[in-house]
Amino acid sequence: MIDDTTTFLALADRMLWVSVLAGAPVLIAALAVGLVVGVIQAATSVNEQTLTFIPKLVAVALVLVVFGASMLGLIADFTRDIFAAVAHIGAGA
């Protein structure tokens, strides 16, 4: 029973790390582009709300093209590990 609890807690901990690693490139790119566009808007006094949308969309799409395969591989590996752990726990019961 304690081994099962440890396994579940280890999977929960790894789930949080996989979520961070999979989401970080997209969030960092959107944050950086938003910051740069915000500085440019403040410097030029152009306060158009829709101006930040297209550059962020392009940056997120570019990040997904570049890092999408590795992000999907990370999530797929974690999913395989979850199913293996559940099968191991189910077989042990």
PDB file of N, CA and C in Angstrom:
ATOM      1  N   MET A   1       0.822  -1.201   0.000  1.00  0.00           N
ATOM      2  CA  MET A   1       0.000   0.000   0.000  1.00  0.00           C
ATOM      3  C   MET A   1       0.862   1.260   0.000  1.00  0.00           C
ATOM      4  N   ILE A   2       1.901   1.268   0.813  1.00  0.00           N
ATOM      5  CA  ILE A   2       2.779   2.439   0.863  1.00  0.00           C
ATOM      6  C   ILE A   2       3.513   2.601  -0.453  1.00  0.00           C
ATOM      7  N   ASP A   3       3.860   1.472  -1.081  1.00  0.00           N
ATOM      8  CA  ASP A   3       4.541   1.535  -2.372  1.00  0.00           C
ATOM      9  C   ASP A   3       3.629   2.136  -3.432  1.00  0.00           C
ATOM     10  N   ASP A   4       2.317   1.813  -3.384  1.00  0.00           N
ATOM     11  CA  ASP A   4       1.362   2.394  -4.321  1.00  0.00           C
ATOM     12  C   ASP A   4       1.218   3.894  -4.103  1.00  0.00           C
ATOM     13  N   THR A   5       1.181   4.306  -2.858  1.00  0.00           N
ATOM     14  CA  THR A   5       1.083   5.728  -2.553  1.00  0.00           C
ATOM     15  C   THR A   5       2.319   6.472  -3.044  1.00  0.00           C
ATOM     16  N   THR A   6       3.464   5.888  -2.838  1.00  0.00           N
ATOM     17  CA  THR A   6       4.707   6.500  -3.319  1.00  0.00           C
ATOM     18  C   THR A   6       4.704   6.600  -4.837  1.00  0.00           C
ATOM     19  N   THR A   7       4.212   5.567  -5.503  1.00  0.00           N
ATOM     20  CA  THR A   7       4.138   5.586  -6.959  1.00  0.00           C
ATOM     21  C   THR A   7       3.207   6.690  -7.445  1.00  0.00           C
ATOM     22  N   PHE A   8       2.039   6.814  -6.820  1.00  0.00           N
ATOM     23  CA  PHE A   8       1.101   7.861  -7.209  1.00  0.00           C
ATOM     24  C   PHE A   8       1.677   9.252  -6.973  1.00  0.00           C
ATOM     25  N   LEU A   9       2.338   9.445  -5.853  1.00  0.00           N
ATOM     26  CA  LEU A   9       2.932  10.751  -5.572  1.00  0.00           C
ATOM     27  C   LEU A   9       4.072  11.060  -6.542  1.00  0.00           C
ATOM     28  N   ALA A  10       4.848  10.053  -6.899  1.00  0.00           N
ATOM     29  CA  ALA A  10       5.922  10.262  -7.880  1.00  0.00           C
ATOM     30  C   ALA A  10       5.343  10.612  -9.240  1.00  0.00           C
ATOM     31  N   LEU A  11       4.244   9.951  -9.629  1.00  0.00           N
ATOM     32  CA  LEU A  11       3.605  10.282 -10.905  1.00  0.00           C
ATOM     33  C   LEU A  11       3.005  11.688 -10.884  1.00  0.00           C
ATOM     34  N   ALA A  12       2.433  12.081  -9.750  1.00  0.00           N
ATOM     35  CA  ALA A  12       1.871  13.433  -9.642  1.00  0.00           C
ATOM     36  C   ALA A  12       2.973  14.485  -9.733  1.00  0.00           C
ATOM     37  N   ASP A  13       4.094  14.214  -9.088  1.00  0.00           N
ATOM     38  CA  ASP A  13       5.228  15.139  -9.153  1.00  0.00           C
ATOM     39  C   ASP A  13       5.752  15.245 -10.583  1.00  0.00           C
ATOM     40  N   ARG A  14       5.877  14.110 -11.236  1.00  0.00           N
ATOM     41  CA  ARG A  14       6.369  14.116 -12.619  1.00  0.00           C
ATOM     42  C   ARG A  14       5.361  14.787 -13.546  1.00  0.00           C
ATOM     43  N   MET A  15       4.067  14.614 -13.272  1.00  0.00           N
ATOM     44  CA  MET A  15       3.031  15.252 -14.076  1.00  0.00           C
ATOM     45  C   MET A  15       3.163  16.770 -14.033  1.00  0.00           C
ATOM     46  N   LEU A  16       3.454  17.298 -12.863  1.00  0.00           N
ATOM     47  CA  LEU A  16       3.631  18.747 -12.750  1.00  0.00           C
ATOM     48  C   LEU A  16       4.844  19.218 -13.550  1.00  0.00           C
ATOM     49  N   TRP A  17       5.944  18.470 -13.492  1.00  0.00           N
ATOM     50  CA  TRP A  17       7.139  18.846 -14.248  1.00  0.00           C
ATOM     51  C   TRP A  17       6.915  18.739 -15.751  1.00  0.00           C
ATOM     52  N   VAL A  18       6.210  17.695 -16.186  1.00  0.00           N
ATOM     53  CA  VAL A  18       5.927  17.543 -17.614  1.00  0.00           C
ATOM     54  C   VAL A  18       5.037  18.681 -18.089  1.00  0.00           C
ATOM     55  N   SER A  19       4.075  19.077 -17.281  1.00  0.00           N
ATOM     56  CA  SER A  19       3.207  20.206 -17.641  1.00  0.00           C
ATOM     57  C   SER A  19       4.004  21.491 -17.793  1.00  0.00           C
ATOM     58  N   VAL A  20       4.910  21.723 -16.867  1.00  0.00           N
ATOM     59  CA  VAL A  20       5.746  22.927 -16.934  1.00  0.00           C
ATOM     60  C   VAL A  20       6.652  22.890 -18.161  1.00  0.00           C
ATOM     61  N   LEU A  21       7.287  21.749 -18.392  1.00  0.00           N
ATOM     62  CA  LEU A  21       8.205  21.639 -19.525  1.00  0.00           C
ATOM     63  C   LEU A  21       7.484  21.714 -20.863  1.00  0.00           C
ATOM     64  N   ALA A  22       6.262  21.208 -20.932  1.00  0.00           N
ATOM     65  CA  ALA A  22       5.523  21.253 -22.186  1.00  0.00           C
ATOM     66  C   ALA A  22       4.938  22.640 -22.455  1.00  0.00           C
ATOM     67  N   GLY A  23       4.555  23.337 -21.418  1.00  0.00           N
ATOM     68  CA  GLY A  23       3.925  24.642 -21.608  1.00  0.00           C
ATOM     69  C   GLY A  23       4.868  25.829 -21.604  1.00  0.00           C
ATOM     70  N   ALA A  24       6.045  25.656 -21.025  1.00  0.00           N
ATOM     71  CA  ALA A  24       6.966  26.777 -20.860  1.00  0.00           C
ATOM     72  C   ALA A  24       7.408  27.432 -22.176  1.00  0.00           C
ATOM     73  N   PRO A  25       7.775  26.685 -23.205  1.00  0.00           N
ATOM     74  CA  PRO A  25       8.226  27.372 -24.429  1.00  0.00           C
ATOM     75  C   PRO A  25       7.162  28.283 -25.030  1.00  0.00           C
ATOM     76  N   VAL A  26       5.916  27.832 -25.044  1.00  0.00           N
ATOM     77  CA  VAL A  26       4.837  28.641 -25.614  1.00  0.00           C
ATOM     78  C   VAL A  26       4.586  29.871 -24.748  1.00  0.00           C
ATOM     79  N   LEU A  27       4.537  29.683 -23.439  1.00  0.00           N
ATOM     80  CA  LEU A  27       4.258  30.807 -22.546  1.00  0.00           C
ATOM     81  C   LEU A  27       5.387  31.827 -22.542  1.00  0.00           C
ATOM     82  N   ILE A  28       6.627  31.351 -22.572  1.00  0.00           N
ATOM     83  CA  ILE A  28       7.761  32.268 -22.583  1.00  0.00           C
ATOM     84  C   ILE A  28       7.801  33.073 -23.880  1.00  0.00           C
ATOM     85  N   ALA A  29       7.514  32.416 -25.003  1.00  0.00           N
ATOM     86  CA  ALA A  29       7.497  33.128 -26.284  1.00  0.00           C
ATOM     87  C   ALA A  29       6.403  34.192 -26.300  1.00  0.00           C
ATOM     88  N   ALA A  30       5.213  33.848 -25.837  1.00  0.00           N
ATOM     89  CA  ALA A  30       4.117  34.821 -25.804  1.00  0.00           C
ATOM     90  C   ALA A  30       4.438  35.977 -24.856  1.00  0.00           C
ATOM     91  N   LEU A  31       5.058  35.671 -23.725  1.00  0.00           N
ATOM     92  CA  LEU A  31       5.435  36.722 -22.782  1.00  0.00           C
ATOM     93  C   LEU A  31       6.476  37.656 -23.373  1.00  0.00           C
ATOM     94  N   ALA A  32       7.486  37.087 -24.015  1.00  0.00           N
ATOM     95  CA  ALA A  32       8.558  37.911 -24.589  1.00  0.00           C
ATOM     96  C   ALA A  32       8.029  38.803 -25.704  1.00  0.00           C
ATOM     97  N   VAL A  33       7.215  38.242 -26.578  1.00  0.00           N
ATOM     98  CA  VAL A  33       6.664  39.045 -27.676  1.00  0.00           C
ATOM     99  C   VAL A  33       5.736  40.120 -27.132  1.00  0.00           C
ATOM    100  N   GLY A  34       4.924  39.776 -26.153  1.00  0.00           N
ATOM    101  CA  GLY A  34       4.045  40.782 -25.548  1.00  0.00           C
ATOM    102  C   GLY A  34       4.812  41.911 -24.891  1.00  0.00           C
ATOM    103  N   LEU A  35       5.925  41.567 -24.240  1.00  0.00           N
ATOM    104  CA  LEU A  35       6.755  42.591 -23.606  1.00  0.00           C
ATOM    105  C   LEU A  35       7.394  43.518 -24.638  1.00  0.00           C
ATOM    106  N   VAL A  36       7.926  42.928 -25.698  1.00  0.00           N
ATOM    107  CA  VAL A  36       8.562  43.740 -26.754  1.00  0.00           C
ATOM    108  C   VAL A  36       7.531  44.640 -27.433  1.00  0.00           C
ATOM    109  N   VAL A  37       6.384  44.099 -27.768  1.00  0.00           N
ATOM    110  CA  VAL A  37       5.343  44.908 -28.411  1.00  0.00           C
ATOM    111  C   VAL A  37       4.847  45.988 -27.452  1.00  0.00           C
ATOM    112  N   GLY A  38       4.734  45.662 -26.181  1.00  0.00           N
ATOM    113  CA  GLY A  38       4.310  46.666 -25.202  1.00  0.00           C
ATOM    114  C   GLY A  38       5.295  47.807 -25.071  1.00  0.00           C
ATOM    115  N   VAL A  39       6.593  47.486 -25.088  1.00  0.00           N
ATOM    116  CA  VAL A  39       7.612  48.538 -25.031  1.00  0.00           C
ATOM    117  C   VAL A  39       7.556  49.404 -26.275  1.00  0.00           C
ATOM    118  N   ILE A  40       7.385  48.772 -27.428  1.00  0.00           N
ATOM    119  CA  ILE A  40       7.298  49.533 -28.683  1.00  0.00           C
ATOM    120  C   ILE A  40       6.054  50.417 -28.679  1.00  0.00           C
ATOM    121  N   GLN A  41       4.938  49.895 -28.197  1.00  0.00           N
ATOM    122  CA  GLN A  41       3.723  50.712 -28.126  1.00  0.00           C
ATOM    123  C   GLN A  41       3.884  51.873 -27.155  1.00  0.00           C
ATOM    124  N   ALA A  42       4.564  51.654 -26.055  1.00  0.00           N
ATOM    125  CA  ALA A  42       4.775  52.746 -25.096  1.00  0.00           C
ATOM    126  C   ALA A  42       5.707  53.797 -25.665  1.00  0.00           C
ATOM    127  N   ALA A  43       6.703  53.369 -26.427  1.00  0.00           N
ATOM    128  CA  ALA A  43       7.653  54.324 -26.999  1.00  0.00           C
ATOM    129  C   ALA A  43       7.038  55.139 -28.122  1.00  0.00           C
ATOM    130  N   THR A  44       6.120  54.545 -28.873  1.00  0.00           N
ATOM    131  CA  THR A  44       5.531  55.243 -30.020  1.00  0.00           C
ATOM    132  C   THR A  44       4.162  55.820 -29.722  1.00  0.00           C
ATOM    133  N   SER A  45       3.653  55.618 -28.524  1.00  0.00           N
ATOM    134  CA  SER A  45       2.331  56.106 -28.106  1.00  0.00           C
ATOM    135  C   SER A  45       1.201  55.539 -28.955  1.00  0.00           C
ATOM    136  N   VAL A  46       1.410  54.359 -29.520  1.00  0.00           N
ATOM    137  CA  VAL A  46       0.354  53.671 -30.257  1.00  0.00           C
ATOM    138  C   VAL A  46      -0.280  52.684 -29.289  1.00  0.00           C
ATOM    139  N   ASN A  47      -1.510  52.945 -28.891  1.00  0.00           N
ATOM    140  CA  ASN A  47      -2.179  52.102 -27.903  1.00  0.00           C
ATOM    141  C   ASN A  47      -3.316  51.313 -28.543  1.00  0.00           C
ATOM    142  N   GLU A  48      -2.972  50.501 -29.488  1.00  0.00           N
ATOM    143  CA  GLU A  48      -3.955  49.652 -30.156  1.00  0.00           C
ATOM    144  C   GLU A  48      -3.896  48.261 -29.536  1.00  0.00           C
ATOM    145  N   GLN A  49      -5.021  47.780 -29.006  1.00  0.00           N
ATOM    146  CA  GLN A  49      -5.048  46.502 -28.302  1.00  0.00           C
ATOM    147  C   GLN A  49      -4.852  45.320 -29.241  1.00  0.00           C
ATOM    148  N   THR A  50      -5.299  45.437 -30.483  1.00  0.00           N
ATOM    149  CA  THR A  50      -5.213  44.314 -31.414  1.00  0.00           C
ATOM    150  C   THR A  50      -3.819  44.138 -32.000  1.00  0.00           C
ATOM    151  N   LEU A  51      -2.935  45.115 -31.805  1.00  0.00           N
ATOM    152  CA  LEU A  51      -1.580  45.019 -32.358  1.00  0.00           C
ATOM    153  C   LEU A  51      -0.764  43.889 -31.734  1.00  0.00           C
ATOM    154  N   THR A  52      -1.030  43.532 -30.507  1.00  0.00           N
ATOM    155  CA  THR A  52      -0.230  42.491 -29.851  1.00  0.00           C
ATOM    156  C   THR A  52      -0.673  41.087 -30.236  1.00  0.00           C
ATOM    157  N   PHE A  53      -1.871  40.955 -30.795  1.00  0.00           N
ATOM    158  CA  PHE A  53      -2.403  39.626 -31.054  1.00  0.00           C
ATOM    159  C   PHE A  53      -1.653  38.889 -32.166  1.00  0.00           C
ATOM    160  N   ILE A  54      -1.434  39.527 -33.298  1.00  0.00           N
ATOM    161  CA  ILE A  54      -0.811  38.866 -34.452  1.00  0.00           C
ATOM    162  C   ILE A  54       0.640  38.476 -34.164  1.00  0.00           C
ATOM    163  N   PRO A  55       1.477  39.344 -33.595  1.00  0.00           N
ATOM    164  CA  PRO A  55       2.843  38.897 -33.287  1.00  0.00           C
ATOM    165  C   PRO A  55       2.885  37.738 -32.283  1.00  0.00           C
ATOM    166  N   LYS A  56       2.013  37.756 -31.275  1.00  0.00           N
ATOM    167  CA  LYS A  56       1.964  36.647 -30.324  1.00  0.00           C
ATOM    168  C   LYS A  56       1.523  35.361 -31.018  1.00  0.00           C
ATOM    169  N   LEU A  57       0.548  35.462 -31.892  1.00  0.00           N
ATOM    170  CA  LEU A  57       0.071  34.294 -32.620  1.00  0.00           C
ATOM    171  C   LEU A  57       1.164  33.705 -33.494  1.00  0.00           C
ATOM    172  N   VAL A  58       1.914  34.559 -34.170  1.00  0.00           N
ATOM    173  CA  VAL A  58       3.021  34.098 -35.013  1.00  0.00           C
ATOM    174  C   VAL A  58       4.116  33.464 -34.156  1.00  0.00           C
ATOM    175  N   ALA A  59       4.453  34.082 -33.041  1.00  0.00           N
ATOM    176  CA  ALA A  59       5.494  33.544 -32.168  1.00  0.00           C
ATOM    177  C   ALA A  59       5.094  32.185 -31.592  1.00  0.00           C
ATOM    178  N   VAL A  60       3.860  32.060 -31.161  1.00  0.00           N
ATOM    179  CA  VAL A  60       3.388  30.783 -30.604  1.00  0.00           C
ATOM    180  C   VAL A  60       3.385  29.709 -31.687  1.00  0.00           C
ATOM    181  N   ALA A  61       2.937  30.056 -32.893  1.00  0.00           N
ATOM    182  CA  ALA A  61       2.949  29.087 -33.992  1.00  0.00           C
ATOM    183  C   ALA A  61       4.376  28.661 -34.323  1.00  0.00           C
ATOM    184  N   LEU A  62       5.304  29.596 -34.330  1.00  0.00           N
ATOM    185  CA  LEU A  62       6.708  29.274 -34.619  1.00  0.00           C
ATOM    186  C   LEU A  62       7.301  28.370 -33.539  1.00  0.00           C
ATOM    187  N   VAL A  63       7.000  28.664 -32.288  1.00  0.00           N
ATOM    188  CA  VAL A  63       7.490  27.829 -31.186  1.00  0.00           C
ATOM    189  C   VAL A  63       6.901  26.425 -31.279  1.00  0.00           C
ATOM    190  N   LEU A  64       5.628  26.320 -31.634  1.00  0.00           N
ATOM    191  CA  LEU A  64       5.016  25.001 -31.771  1.00  0.00           C
ATOM    192  C   LEU A  64       5.612  24.214 -32.933  1.00  0.00           C
ATOM    193  N   VAL A  65       5.990  24.904 -34.006  1.00  0.00           N
ATOM    194  CA  VAL A  65       6.635  24.219 -35.124  1.00  0.00           C
ATOM    195  C   VAL A  65       8.018  23.730 -34.720  1.00  0.00           C
ATOM    196  N   VAL A  66       8.754  24.563 -34.002  1.00  0.00           N
ATOM    197  CA  VAL A  66      10.129  24.213 -33.621  1.00  0.00           C
ATOM    198  C   VAL A  66      10.157  23.174 -32.502  1.00  0.00           C
ATOM    199  N   PHE A  67       9.376  23.395 -31.450  1.00  0.00           N
ATOM    200  CA  PHE A  67       9.438  22.542 -30.266  1.00  0.00           C
ATOM    201  C   PHE A  67       8.272  21.566 -30.134  1.00  0.00           C
ATOM    202  N   GLY A  68       7.337  21.577 -31.071  1.00  0.00           N
ATOM    203  CA  GLY A  68       6.139  20.750 -30.950  1.00  0.00           C
ATOM    204  C   GLY A  68       6.422  19.265 -30.871  1.00  0.00           C
ATOM    205  N   ALA A  69       7.350  18.786 -31.681  1.00  0.00           N
ATOM    206  CA  ALA A  69       7.654  17.352 -31.682  1.00  0.00           C
ATOM    207  C   ALA A  69       8.253  16.903 -30.349  1.00  0.00           C
ATOM    208  N   SER A  70       9.150  17.699 -29.807  1.00  0.00           N
ATOM    209  CA  SER A  70       9.749  17.309 -28.526  1.00  0.00           C
ATOM    210  C   SER A  70       8.739  17.425 -27.384  1.00  0.00           C
ATOM    211  N   MET A  71       7.865  18.417 -27.447  1.00  0.00           N
ATOM    212  CA  MET A  71       6.826  18.542 -26.429  1.00  0.00           C
ATOM    213  C   MET A  71       5.863  17.354 -26.494  1.00  0.00           C
ATOM    214  N   LEU A  72       5.480  16.968 -27.708  1.00  0.00           N
ATOM    215  CA  LEU A  72       4.589  15.826 -27.868  1.00  0.00           C
ATOM    216  C   LEU A  72       5.273  14.534 -27.446  1.00  0.00           C
ATOM    217  N   GLY A  73       6.548  14.392 -27.737  1.00  0.00           N
ATOM    218  CA  GLY A  73       7.298  13.218 -27.300  1.00  0.00           C
ATOM    219  C   GLY A  73       7.372  13.125 -25.789  1.00  0.00           C
ATOM    220  N   LEU A  74       7.573  14.260 -25.129  1.00  0.00           N
ATOM    221  CA  LEU A  74       7.613  14.288 -23.665  1.00  0.00           C
ATOM    222  C   LEU A  74       6.282  13.848 -23.074  1.00  0.00           C
ATOM    223  N   ILE A  75       5.196  14.348 -23.631  1.00  0.00           N
ATOM    224  CA  ILE A  75       3.867  13.985 -23.140  1.00  0.00           C
ATOM    225  C   ILE A  75       3.561  12.519 -23.444  1.00  0.00           C
ATOM    226  N   ALA A  76       3.965  12.038 -24.615  1.00  0.00           N
ATOM    227  CA  ALA A  76       3.720  10.631 -24.975  1.00  0.00           C
ATOM    228  C   ALA A  76       4.502   9.687 -24.067  1.00  0.00           C
ATOM    229  N   ASP A  77       5.755  10.027 -23.770  1.00  0.00           N
ATOM    230  CA  ASP A  77       6.540   9.192 -22.854  1.00  0.00           C
ATOM    231  C   ASP A  77       5.900   9.141 -21.472  1.00  0.00           C
ATOM    232  N   PHE A  78       5.439  10.267 -21.004  1.00  0.00           N
ATOM    233  CA  PHE A  78       4.793  10.305 -19.691  1.00  0.00           C
ATOM    234  C   PHE A  78       3.504   9.492 -19.693  1.00  0.00           C
ATOM    235  N   THR A  79       2.740   9.580 -20.785  1.00  0.00           N
ATOM    236  CA  THR A  79       1.503   8.807 -20.874  1.00  0.00           C
ATOM    237  C   THR A  79       1.786   7.310 -20.852  1.00  0.00           C
ATOM    238  N   ARG A  80       2.829   6.877 -21.580  1.00  0.00           N
ATOM    239  CA  ARG A  80       3.207   5.462 -21.552  1.00  0.00           C
ATOM    240  C   ARG A  80       3.608   5.036 -20.138  1.00  0.00           C
ATOM    241  N   ASP A  81       4.349   5.883 -19.449  1.00  0.00           N
ATOM    242  CA  ASP A  81       4.761   5.565 -18.079  1.00  0.00           C
ATOM    243  C   ASP A  81       3.566   5.474 -17.133  1.00  0.00           C
ATOM    244  N   ILE A  82       2.572   6.335 -17.325  1.00  0.00           N
ATOM    245  CA  ILE A  82       1.375   6.282 -16.484  1.00  0.00           C
ATOM    246  C   ILE A  82       0.641   4.962 -16.700  1.00  0.00           C
ATOM    247  N   PHE A  83       0.449   4.580 -17.960  1.00  0.00           N
ATOM    248  CA  PHE A  83      -0.258   3.324 -18.225  1.00  0.00           C
ATOM    249  C   PHE A  83       0.519   2.127 -17.696  1.00  0.00           C
ATOM    250  N   ALA A  84       1.842   2.165 -17.811  1.00  0.00           N
ATOM    251  CA  ALA A  84       2.660   1.074 -17.269  1.00  0.00           C
ATOM    252  C   ALA A  84       2.545   1.008 -15.747  1.00  0.00           C
ATOM    253  N   ALA A  85       2.535   2.163 -15.090  1.00  0.00           N
ATOM    254  CA  ALA A  85       2.409   2.184 -13.629  1.00  0.00           C
ATOM    255  C   ALA A  85       1.045   1.705 -13.186  1.00  0.00           C
ATOM    256  N   VAL A  86      -0.008   2.086 -13.891  1.00  0.00           N
ATOM    257  CA  VAL A  86      -1.349   1.642 -13.540  1.00  0.00           C
ATOM    258  C   VAL A  86      -1.483   0.140 -13.748  1.00  0.00           C
ATOM    259  N   ALA A  87      -0.896  -0.374 -14.825  1.00  0.00           N
ATOM    260  CA  ALA A  87      -0.946  -1.824 -15.059  1.00  0.00           C
ATOM    261  C   ALA A  87      -0.164  -2.560 -13.983  1.00  0.00           C
ATOM    262  N   HIS A  88       0.958  -1.993 -13.568  1.00  0.00           N
ATOM    263  CA  HIS A  88       1.759  -2.625 -12.518  1.00  0.00           C
ATOM    264  C   HIS A  88       1.022  -2.630 -11.179  1.00  0.00           C
ATOM    265  N   ILE A  89       0.387  -1.535 -10.865  1.00  0.00           N
ATOM    266  CA  ILE A  89      -0.370  -1.453  -9.606  1.00  0.00           C
ATOM    267  C   ILE A  89      -1.589  -2.369  -9.668  1.00  0.00           C
ATOM    268  N   GLY A  90      -2.261  -2.404 -10.814  1.00  0.00           N
ATOM    269  CA  GLY A  90      -3.449  -3.263 -10.962  1.00  0.00           C
ATOM    270  C   GLY A  90      -3.094  -4.731 -10.898  1.00  0.00           C
ATOM    271  N   ALA A  91      -1.920  -5.097 -11.418  1.00  0.00           N
ATOM    272  CA  ALA A  91      -1.493  -6.501 -11.392  1.00  0.00           C
ATOM    273  C   ALA A  91      -1.063  -6.920  -9.998  1.00  0.00           C
ATOM    274  N   GLY A  92      -0.585  -5.959  -9.211  1.00  0.00           N
ATOM    275  CA  GLY A  92      -0.120  -6.274  -7.867  1.00  0.00           C
ATOM    276  C   GLY A  92      -1.245  -6.438  -6.862  1.00  0.00           C
ATOM    277  N   ALA A  93      -2.441  -5.958  -7.212  1.00  0.00           N
ATOM    278  CA  ALA A  93      -3.559  -6.019  -6.261  1.00  0.00           C
ATOM    279  C   ALA A  93      -4.207  -7.348  -6.151  1.00  0.00           C
TER     280      ALA A  93
END
